[in-house]
Amino acid sequence: MYNYPLTFNFAFMSASPKITVTDAGGQTVMTASKTLLSTKDEIKIANGRPMFQVISQESRVTDIPSNWDVLTAEGQKVGIVDDDFLTLDAGAYVNNAAAATGLNILKNQFVNEQALKMYWLKDTTGNKVGWIAPDKRSLSLQQLPLADFTRKIPFFFRFICPSYVIRLGERTVMLMQKQRTWMIDSYKLEAKAQLTPEEEKLLIPSVLLTLFYERAQLKHLFGN
């Protein structure tokens, strides 16, 4: 069990994307780096010695990675991460089914909707056991037509600060929030439930994978 909250800081200058993870006491508990010279999308996680690897099932030379195996340093598979897309559903905000349907029709006609990534967490046999996804407020915010405005202001995308909900089964087990920072992209992860070491073996590497892709998506949507 880690000493939560954990803080994830991206390296400001690095040849490949790198994250340093510190606990509530400010101690570095691990680092994660993305391997650039590899035929597969690969993230290595260590704390002075190897801890985990997250490796795509698809080749990034011929395919777009969308499924990743989460492995221990010894190569034991602890789960799978499978990306998907999430869109804004008016039914999440309006209780009346007819009104929600009408709002969804209007949305589809007049809004250039952004489908955002979410990530299914699966066990080693491929059964869904949880997910990581933007919360409703963040999903709504990223529908606003801010891109033309933010791309005129260097580094403004750092001030777009989405939150993410992490669930296992019916439990919300973690919440993650991007921090407002100027130079270094930083995220804070809070535990909302008691977690077992086995659950953390799947959750922490999955969160790190999510962060590499979420950061890239924010830069694409709002960066210059």
Protein backbone atom coordinates (compact mmCIF):
# COMPACT_ATOMS: atom_id res chain seq x y z
CA MET A 1 0.00 0.00 0.00
CA TYR A 2 1.44 3.34 -1.04
CA ASN A 3 1.33 6.50 1.07
CA TYR A 4 -1.36 8.43 -0.83
CA PRO A 5 -1.84 10.87 -2.41
CA LEU A 6 0.71 10.11 -5.09
CA THR A 7 2.00 12.91 -7.32
CA PHE A 8 3.00 12.24 -10.93
CA ASN A 9 5.40 14.79 -12.45
CA PHE A 10 6.41 14.72 -16.10
CA ALA A 11 10.05 15.53 -16.84
CA PHE A 12 10.39 19.00 -18.33
CA MET A 13 13.29 18.07 -20.60
CA SER A 14 13.60 14.43 -21.63
CA ALA A 15 14.40 12.56 -24.84
CA SER A 16 11.39 10.31 -24.18
CA PRO A 17 8.34 10.99 -21.97
CA LYS A 18 9.18 10.28 -18.32
CA ILE A 19 7.19 10.46 -15.08
CA THR A 20 8.50 10.64 -11.51
CA VAL A 21 6.09 9.45 -8.82
CA THR A 22 6.33 10.76 -5.26
CA ASP A 23 4.22 9.84 -2.24
CA ALA A 24 2.55 12.02 0.41
CA GLY A 25 5.87 12.35 2.24
CA GLY A 26 7.71 13.55 -0.85
CA GLN A 27 9.62 10.30 -1.32
CA THR A 28 10.20 9.08 -4.88
CA VAL A 29 8.52 5.67 -5.14
CA MET A 30 9.02 4.97 -8.84
CA THR A 31 9.73 6.38 -12.27
CA ALA A 32 8.09 5.48 -15.57
CA SER A 33 9.49 6.06 -19.04
CA LYS A 34 8.22 5.38 -22.51
CA THR A 35 10.55 3.46 -24.82
CA LEU A 36 10.91 5.17 -28.18
CA LEU A 37 13.05 2.66 -30.10
CA SER A 38 10.75 -0.32 -29.92
CA THR A 39 8.36 -2.01 -32.33
CA LYS A 40 5.71 -2.03 -29.59
CA ASP A 41 4.41 0.71 -27.34
CA GLU A 42 6.30 0.05 -24.11
CA ILE A 43 6.46 1.68 -20.68
CA LYS A 44 9.07 0.65 -18.12
CA ILE A 45 8.42 1.28 -14.42
CA ALA A 46 11.19 1.09 -11.82
CA ASN A 47 12.26 2.21 -8.36
CA GLY A 48 15.98 1.59 -8.75
CA ARG A 49 15.17 -1.85 -10.04
CA PRO A 50 12.51 -2.98 -12.54
CA MET A 51 8.97 -3.17 -11.16
CA PHE A 52 6.52 -3.39 -14.07
CA GLN A 53 6.27 -3.24 -17.84
CA VAL A 54 3.25 -2.16 -19.87
CA ILE A 55 3.52 -3.43 -23.44
CA SER A 56 1.07 -3.05 -26.31
CA GLN A 57 -0.30 -6.19 -27.90
CA GLU A 58 -0.15 -4.49 -31.30
CA SER A 59 2.91 -3.32 -33.22
CA ARG A 60 3.07 0.47 -33.34
CA VAL A 61 4.81 0.18 -36.72
CA THR A 62 1.78 -1.36 -38.45
CA ASP A 63 -1.12 -0.73 -36.01
CA ILE A 64 -2.43 1.82 -33.54
CA PRO A 65 -1.87 0.38 -30.04
CA SER A 66 -5.16 -0.11 -28.20
CA ASN A 67 -4.54 -3.07 -25.88
CA TRP A 68 -1.69 -3.32 -23.39
CA ASP A 69 -0.47 -6.13 -21.16
CA VAL A 70 0.49 -5.15 -17.61
CA LEU A 71 3.43 -7.31 -16.51
CA THR A 72 5.54 -7.59 -13.38
CA ALA A 73 9.32 -7.31 -13.71
CA GLU A 74 9.41 -11.12 -13.79
CA GLY A 75 7.03 -11.18 -16.76
CA GLN A 76 3.92 -12.29 -14.86
CA LYS A 77 0.78 -10.87 -16.48
CA VAL A 78 -1.45 -9.08 -13.98
CA GLY A 79 -4.04 -7.57 -16.34
CA ILE A 80 -4.89 -5.83 -19.58
CA VAL A 81 -5.70 -2.21 -20.41
CA ASP A 82 -8.02 -1.66 -23.38
CA ASP A 83 -8.73 1.86 -24.62
CA ASP A 84 -12.16 3.02 -25.74
CA PHE A 85 -13.95 6.32 -26.36
CA LEU A 86 -16.37 8.26 -24.19
CA THR A 87 -18.88 10.84 -25.41
CA LEU A 88 -21.18 13.26 -23.65
CA ASP A 89 -24.62 11.79 -22.94
CA ALA A 90 -27.36 14.24 -21.93
CA GLY A 91 -28.95 11.43 -19.94
CA ALA A 92 -26.23 11.91 -17.36
CA TYR A 93 -27.53 15.44 -16.69
CA VAL A 94 -31.27 15.24 -17.42
CA ASN A 95 -33.53 12.73 -15.65
CA ASN A 96 -36.32 12.92 -18.24
CA ALA A 97 -35.64 10.37 -21.00
CA ALA A 98 -37.45 12.34 -23.73
CA ALA A 99 -35.61 15.55 -22.87
CA ALA A 100 -32.29 13.71 -22.82
CA THR A 101 -32.99 12.22 -26.25
CA GLY A 102 -33.84 15.67 -27.64
CA LEU A 103 -30.68 17.19 -26.21
CA ASN A 104 -28.57 14.38 -27.65
CA ILE A 105 -30.09 15.02 -31.11
CA LEU A 106 -29.30 18.73 -30.85
CA LYS A 107 -25.80 17.94 -29.65
CA ASN A 108 -25.16 15.61 -32.56
CA GLN A 109 -26.41 18.23 -35.04
CA PHE A 110 -24.72 21.37 -33.75
CA VAL A 111 -21.76 20.45 -31.55
CA ASN A 112 -18.43 19.27 -32.89
CA GLU A 113 -18.26 16.68 -30.17
CA GLN A 114 -14.91 15.47 -28.90
CA ALA A 115 -14.81 11.76 -28.12
CA LEU A 116 -12.35 11.35 -25.24
CA LYS A 117 -10.36 8.28 -24.38
CA MET A 118 -11.31 5.99 -21.52
CA TYR A 119 -9.51 2.84 -20.46
CA TRP A 120 -11.03 -0.52 -19.53
CA LEU A 121 -9.17 -2.50 -16.90
CA LYS A 122 -9.34 -6.25 -17.49
CA ASP A 123 -8.11 -9.33 -15.71
CA THR A 124 -5.67 -11.74 -17.34
CA THR A 125 -8.48 -13.57 -19.15
CA GLY A 126 -9.91 -10.37 -20.67
CA ASN A 127 -12.89 -9.83 -18.33
CA LYS A 128 -13.64 -6.19 -17.52
CA VAL A 129 -12.97 -5.44 -13.85
CA GLY A 130 -12.90 -1.62 -13.87
CA TRP A 131 -12.12 1.52 -15.82
CA ILE A 132 -10.35 4.89 -15.88
CA ALA A 133 -12.28 7.77 -17.44
CA PRO A 134 -12.68 11.57 -17.31
CA ASP A 135 -15.39 12.65 -14.88
CA LYS A 136 -18.56 14.32 -16.20
CA ARG A 137 -17.32 17.86 -15.55
CA SER A 138 -14.08 17.25 -17.46
CA LEU A 139 -15.94 15.59 -20.30
CA SER A 140 -18.20 18.65 -20.59
CA LEU A 141 -15.32 21.15 -20.38
CA GLN A 142 -13.46 19.54 -23.23
CA GLN A 143 -16.48 20.01 -25.51
CA LEU A 144 -16.04 23.79 -25.35
CA PRO A 145 -14.58 25.35 -28.54
CA LEU A 146 -11.39 26.49 -26.81
CA ALA A 147 -8.79 25.13 -29.22
CA ASP A 148 -8.46 28.20 -31.48
CA PHE A 149 -8.12 30.43 -28.42
CA THR A 150 -5.70 28.28 -26.44
CA ARG A 151 -3.39 27.58 -29.36
CA LYS A 152 -2.59 31.30 -29.56
CA ILE A 153 -1.26 31.25 -25.99
CA PRO A 154 1.92 29.21 -25.40
CA PHE A 155 1.54 26.45 -22.78
CA PHE A 156 -2.10 27.35 -22.06
CA PHE A 157 -3.04 23.67 -22.32
CA ARG A 158 -1.27 23.18 -18.97
CA PHE A 159 -4.13 25.09 -17.33
CA ILE A 160 -6.80 22.70 -18.69
CA CYS A 161 -7.13 20.46 -15.64
CA PRO A 162 -9.38 17.42 -16.10
CA SER A 163 -10.24 14.95 -13.35
CA TYR A 164 -10.46 11.19 -13.73
CA VAL A 165 -12.46 8.52 -11.93
CA ILE A 166 -10.95 5.09 -11.40
CA ARG A 167 -13.28 2.21 -10.56
CA LEU A 168 -13.00 -1.47 -9.75
CA GLY A 169 -16.34 -3.23 -10.03
CA GLU A 170 -18.92 -0.98 -8.36
CA ARG A 171 -16.34 0.87 -6.25
CA THR A 172 -14.73 4.21 -6.98
CA VAL A 173 -11.25 3.40 -5.72
CA MET A 174 -9.22 6.39 -6.90
CA LEU A 175 -9.59 9.96 -8.12
CA MET A 176 -6.94 11.71 -10.20
CA GLN A 177 -6.69 15.45 -10.85
CA LYS A 178 -4.37 17.34 -13.19
CA GLN A 179 -2.71 20.20 -11.31
CA ARG A 180 -2.47 23.81 -12.48
CA THR A 181 1.22 24.27 -13.17
CA TRP A 182 3.25 26.47 -15.47
CA MET A 183 6.30 24.44 -16.50
CA ILE A 184 5.83 20.80 -15.46
CA ASP A 185 2.72 18.71 -16.08
CA SER A 186 1.64 17.27 -12.74
CA TYR A 187 -1.21 15.00 -11.60
CA LYS A 188 -2.36 13.99 -8.11
CA LEU A 189 -3.82 10.56 -7.38
CA GLU A 190 -5.93 9.97 -4.27
CA ALA A 191 -7.08 6.61 -2.95
CA LYS A 192 -10.78 6.49 -2.08
CA ALA A 193 -10.86 2.87 -0.91
CA GLN A 194 -8.62 0.39 0.84
CA LEU A 195 -6.60 -1.37 -1.85
CA THR A 196 -4.83 -4.69 -1.78
CA PRO A 197 -1.28 -5.08 -3.14
CA GLU A 198 -2.71 -7.19 -5.97
CA GLU A 199 -5.15 -4.42 -6.95
CA GLU A 200 -2.35 -1.84 -6.91
CA LYS A 201 -0.29 -4.03 -9.25
CA LEU A 202 -2.95 -3.47 -11.92
CA LEU A 203 -4.02 0.05 -10.99
CA ILE A 204 -0.72 1.94 -10.73
CA PRO A 205 0.78 0.80 -14.07
CA SER A 206 -2.62 1.39 -15.72
CA VAL A 207 -2.74 4.94 -14.34
CA LEU A 208 0.77 5.60 -15.67
CA LEU A 209 -0.21 4.36 -19.12
CA THR A 210 -3.29 6.59 -19.02
CA LEU A 211 -1.22 9.65 -18.11
CA PHE A 212 1.11 9.31 -21.10
CA TYR A 213 -1.87 9.25 -23.46
CA GLU A 214 -3.97 11.86 -21.66
CA ARG A 215 -1.12 14.34 -21.70
CA ALA A 216 -0.71 13.79 -25.45
CA GLN A 217 -4.46 14.25 -25.99
CA LEU A 218 -4.55 17.54 -24.09
CA LYS A 219 -1.63 18.87 -26.11
CA HIS A 220 -3.43 17.82 -29.31
CA LEU A 221 -6.76 19.42 -28.32
CA PHE A 222 -5.51 22.63 -26.71
CA GLY A 223 -1.80 22.99 -27.42
CA ASN A 224 0.00 24.89 -30.14
